[in-house]
Protein backbone atom coordinates (compact mmCIF):
# COMPACT_ATOMS: atom_id res chain seq x y z
CA MET A 1 -30.31 1.21 -78.15
CA LYS A 2 -32.14 4.37 -79.24
CA THR A 3 -30.60 6.96 -81.47
CA THR A 4 -31.48 10.91 -81.97
CA LEU A 5 -33.67 10.62 -85.23
CA ALA A 6 -33.86 13.48 -87.69
CA GLU A 7 -36.46 13.66 -90.72
CA HIS A 8 -36.45 16.57 -93.21
CA LEU A 9 -39.39 17.51 -95.30
CA SER A 10 -38.73 20.18 -98.50
CA PHE A 11 -42.08 23.18 -98.38
CA ASP A 12 -43.54 20.88 -100.98
CA GLN A 13 -43.04 17.13 -99.02
CA ALA A 14 -44.72 18.83 -96.10
CA LYS A 15 -47.63 20.31 -98.42
CA ILE A 16 -47.42 23.28 -95.67
CA VAL A 17 -50.04 26.06 -95.61
CA ILE A 18 -49.41 29.37 -94.04
CA GLU A 19 -52.14 30.97 -91.99
CA ARG A 20 -52.57 34.04 -90.02
CA ASP A 21 -55.28 34.97 -87.18
CA GLU A 22 -58.09 37.21 -87.76
CA GLY A 23 -57.97 37.94 -84.37
CA GLU A 24 -56.06 40.47 -82.28
CA GLY A 25 -52.81 38.55 -81.98
CA LYS A 26 -52.73 37.64 -85.45
CA SER A 27 -49.99 34.93 -85.32
CA LEU A 28 -48.71 32.85 -88.14
CA HIS A 29 -49.25 29.29 -88.20
CA LEU A 30 -47.85 26.64 -90.44
CA SER A 31 -49.78 23.35 -91.18
CA GLY A 32 -48.64 20.21 -92.71
CA ILE A 33 -46.98 16.57 -92.62
CA CYS A 34 -44.00 16.29 -89.95
CA ILE A 35 -43.55 12.96 -90.65
CA GLN A 36 -43.97 10.58 -93.07
CA GLY A 37 -45.24 6.51 -92.57
CA ASP A 38 -44.82 3.55 -94.58
CA ILE A 39 -42.39 4.78 -97.10
CA ARG A 40 -38.50 4.22 -96.98
CA ASN A 41 -37.28 7.96 -96.74
CA ALA A 42 -34.09 9.92 -97.80
CA ASN A 43 -32.57 8.71 -95.00
CA GLN A 44 -33.57 4.99 -95.92
CA ARG A 45 -35.68 4.63 -92.78
CA VAL A 46 -39.00 3.30 -92.52
CA TYR A 47 -41.84 4.37 -89.88
CA SER A 48 -44.59 2.65 -89.75
CA SER A 49 -47.79 4.54 -89.27
CA LYS A 50 -48.57 2.84 -86.08
CA GLU A 51 -45.06 4.08 -84.89
CA ILE A 52 -46.08 7.46 -86.09
CA ASP A 53 -50.13 7.22 -84.52
CA ARG A 54 -49.00 6.27 -81.42
CA ALA A 55 -45.67 8.74 -81.11
CA VAL A 56 -48.63 11.85 -82.15
CA LYS A 57 -50.80 10.67 -79.33
CA THR A 58 -48.24 11.14 -76.66
CA LEU A 59 -47.35 14.49 -77.66
CA ASN A 60 -50.80 15.46 -78.03
CA GLU A 61 -51.19 14.15 -74.16
CA GLN A 62 -48.09 16.37 -73.49
CA ILE A 63 -49.87 19.12 -75.53
CA SER A 64 -53.39 18.70 -73.73
CA GLY A 65 -51.61 18.57 -70.39
CA GLY A 66 -50.53 22.19 -70.36
CA TYR A 67 -46.76 21.17 -71.91
CA SER A 68 -45.08 23.81 -73.98
CA VAL A 69 -43.52 22.00 -77.15
CA LEU A 70 -41.23 24.28 -78.64
CA GLY A 71 -39.18 24.21 -81.69
CA GLU A 72 -36.46 25.96 -83.27
CA VAL A 73 -34.95 27.23 -86.18
CA ASP A 74 -32.45 24.32 -88.09
CA HIS A 75 -31.78 22.04 -85.65
CA PRO A 76 -29.10 20.89 -83.16
CA GLU A 77 -27.65 17.01 -83.21
CA ASP A 78 -29.02 16.47 -79.87
CA LEU A 79 -32.66 16.36 -78.24
CA LYS A 80 -32.03 19.51 -76.32
CA ILE A 81 -34.17 22.74 -76.85
CA ASN A 82 -32.37 25.95 -77.11
CA LEU A 83 -34.18 28.71 -76.17
CA ASP A 84 -32.29 31.17 -77.64
CA ARG A 85 -33.29 29.87 -81.04
CA VAL A 86 -37.13 28.86 -80.50
CA SER A 87 -39.22 29.98 -83.14
CA HIS A 88 -42.52 28.11 -82.66
CA MET A 89 -44.75 25.78 -80.73
CA ILE A 90 -46.40 22.95 -81.79
CA THR A 91 -50.34 23.57 -80.74
CA LYS A 92 -51.36 20.27 -82.39
CA MET A 93 -50.57 17.19 -84.00
CA TRP A 94 -52.55 14.81 -86.26
CA MET A 95 -52.77 11.63 -88.10
CA ASP A 96 -54.35 11.85 -91.76
CA GLY A 97 -53.52 8.35 -93.54
CA PRO A 98 -50.02 7.17 -92.46
CA ASN A 99 -48.48 10.67 -92.15
CA GLY A 100 -48.45 12.77 -88.85
CA TYR A 101 -49.46 16.10 -89.41
CA GLY A 102 -48.49 19.27 -86.97
CA LYS A 103 -49.70 22.97 -86.44
CA LEU A 104 -46.92 25.17 -85.86
CA LYS A 105 -47.39 28.78 -83.91
CA MET A 106 -44.81 31.56 -84.69
CA LEU A 107 -43.78 33.47 -81.71
CA PRO A 108 -42.64 36.60 -81.39
CA THR A 109 -39.42 35.78 -80.65
CA PRO A 110 -36.08 36.87 -82.87
CA MET A 111 -36.26 33.52 -84.50
CA GLY A 112 -39.89 33.54 -84.97
CA GLN A 113 -40.30 37.12 -86.22
CA LEU A 114 -37.37 36.05 -89.12
CA VAL A 115 -39.19 32.79 -89.90
CA SER A 116 -42.53 34.96 -90.40
CA THR A 117 -40.67 37.76 -91.77
CA MET A 118 -38.91 35.09 -94.44
CA LEU A 119 -42.30 32.94 -95.22
CA GLU A 120 -44.28 36.44 -95.75
CA SER A 121 -41.56 37.49 -98.36
CA GLY A 122 -41.99 34.33 -100.32
CA VAL A 123 -39.28 32.00 -99.04
CA LYS A 124 -40.57 28.22 -98.94
CA LEU A 125 -38.80 26.84 -95.74
CA GLY A 126 -39.28 23.18 -94.43
CA VAL A 127 -39.89 21.19 -91.54
CA SER A 128 -37.64 18.75 -89.87
CA SER A 129 -39.18 16.46 -86.77
CA ARG A 130 -36.47 15.56 -84.13
CA GLY A 131 -37.01 12.36 -81.81
CA SER A 132 -35.61 9.20 -81.15
CA GLY A 133 -35.94 5.62 -81.51
CA GLU A 134 -34.30 2.24 -82.71
CA VAL A 135 -33.50 1.55 -85.70
CA ASP A 136 -33.05 -2.00 -87.10
CA PRO A 137 -30.25 -3.38 -89.88
CA SER A 138 -33.43 -3.20 -92.85
CA GLY A 139 -33.70 0.86 -91.62
CA ASN A 140 -37.31 -0.18 -89.67
CA VAL A 141 -37.90 2.47 -86.56
CA ASN A 142 -39.19 1.13 -83.58
CA GLY A 143 -40.34 2.77 -80.20
CA PHE A 144 -40.77 6.25 -82.20
CA GLU A 145 -41.27 9.38 -79.89
CA ILE A 146 -41.17 13.03 -81.37
CA ILE A 147 -39.74 15.34 -79.27
CA THR A 148 -40.45 18.54 -81.34
CA VAL A 149 -40.82 19.77 -84.97
CA ASP A 150 -38.31 22.34 -85.91
CA VAL A 151 -38.20 24.79 -89.38
CA VAL A 152 -35.31 24.38 -91.59
CA ALA A 153 -34.40 25.66 -95.29
CA GLN A 154 -35.02 24.00 -98.15
CA PRO A 155 -32.76 22.09 -99.56
CA SER A 156 -31.69 22.68 -103.19
CA ALA A 157 -31.81 19.35 -104.01
CA PRO A 158 -33.12 16.00 -103.17
CA GLY A 159 -31.05 14.56 -100.11
CA ALA A 160 -28.83 17.77 -99.34
CA TYR A 161 -28.01 18.71 -95.51
CA PRO A 162 -30.16 21.86 -95.13
CA THR A 163 -27.90 25.00 -94.97
CA PRO A 164 -28.81 26.92 -91.37
CA VAL A 165 -31.51 29.87 -92.27
CA TYR A 166 -29.94 32.37 -90.80
CA GLU A 167 -26.70 31.59 -91.49
CA HIS A 168 -27.10 33.34 -95.39
CA LEU A 169 -28.62 36.43 -93.27
CA MET A 170 -26.06 36.90 -90.53
CA ASN A 171 -23.10 36.51 -94.24
CA GLU A 172 -25.14 39.50 -95.75
CA LYS A 173 -24.69 43.34 -95.04
CA GLY A 174 -26.84 44.74 -92.06
CA GLY A 175 -27.98 41.19 -91.49
CA TYR A 176 -26.28 40.48 -88.16
CA GLN A 177 -27.37 44.15 -87.20
CA ALA A 178 -31.10 43.90 -87.86
CA PHE A 179 -31.05 40.39 -86.63
CA LYS A 180 -29.30 41.81 -83.28
CA LEU A 181 -31.70 44.82 -82.93
CA ALA A 182 -34.51 42.93 -83.44
CA ARG A 183 -33.85 40.99 -80.07
CA GLU A 184 -33.77 44.58 -78.13
CA ILE A 185 -37.22 45.75 -79.47
CA GLN A 186 -39.44 42.82 -78.79
CA GLY A 187 -41.81 45.43 -77.26
CA ASP A 188 -42.11 48.20 -79.41
CA PRO A 189 -44.36 47.23 -82.30
CA GLN A 190 -43.12 50.22 -84.44
CA ALA A 191 -39.68 49.57 -84.20
CA GLN A 192 -40.63 45.78 -85.00
CA ARG A 193 -42.33 46.71 -88.36
CA TYR A 194 -39.13 48.93 -89.52
CA ILE A 195 -37.13 45.86 -88.56
CA ALA A 196 -39.22 43.39 -90.92
CA GLU A 197 -38.90 45.93 -93.59
CA ASN A 198 -35.41 45.81 -93.60
CA LEU A 199 -35.41 41.57 -93.26
CA LYS A 200 -37.29 41.68 -96.37
CA ASN A 201 -34.96 43.60 -98.23
CA ILE A 202 -32.26 41.38 -97.29
CA ILE A 203 -34.17 38.37 -97.93
CA SER A 204 -35.41 39.57 -100.88
CA GLY A 205 -31.53 40.39 -102.10
CA LEU A 206 -30.81 36.81 -101.34
CA GLN A 207 -33.32 35.45 -103.29
CA SER A 208 -32.04 37.32 -106.39
CA LYS A 209 -28.70 35.47 -106.11
C-alpha cells in the first residue's frame, strides 16, 4: 500500500545554489539535491538510485509535456497542492550520482516573494521532497513517485521537524500586516520593493534572536 513520503534536507545537505537571472524578469532560482539515494536517511528510509532515477524521469516528462509542477512553502500532510501557498515551480530535475537534483524557480506570489526576500537576507532554507511509495519493514522504498519539492525552514538540530517558515513571521510585530499587503500589491513594483525592505527588517530581527 502506498503512503505519503516527505524527506527534508537542510540548506547545507541539499548543497543549495542560489542564482538570479540576468534577463528582464531576474527570477530567483534554487538548485540542489532534492532526494538522496542509496543511504538510510533521517526518517530511516532508503531510496535506491534506481527508484529515484525512474521518479525523476517521470517528473521531467511531465515538465517537458507542459505540466507545471508547483511547490509550496512548507508541506502539508497530503499530496495536494494548495495554490494559496505556492512559492515556486520546478523547471527541471536530473540525476547526479545516486541523488536526484532539481532547479526551483521562485514565483511572484506572496509566498514566493517571502521566500525570495528571506534568501536574499541570508536565511538558509531547506527543501523537502513530497511523494508516495511503499516502504518495506527494512525501510526500503519501492514504487516511488515524486509529486513536488517544497521549501522549508532549516531545523535547529538533526531530525528536528521543520517549523513552518511563515509562523515566525506572523508572530512578529508588523509581520502579518506586511504579508497581507504583499498579497494586494503584486502588480505594483514600487510597493513590492517597499514591502521587501520591511520584510528584510523583520527577518533580520528574527535572525538576531
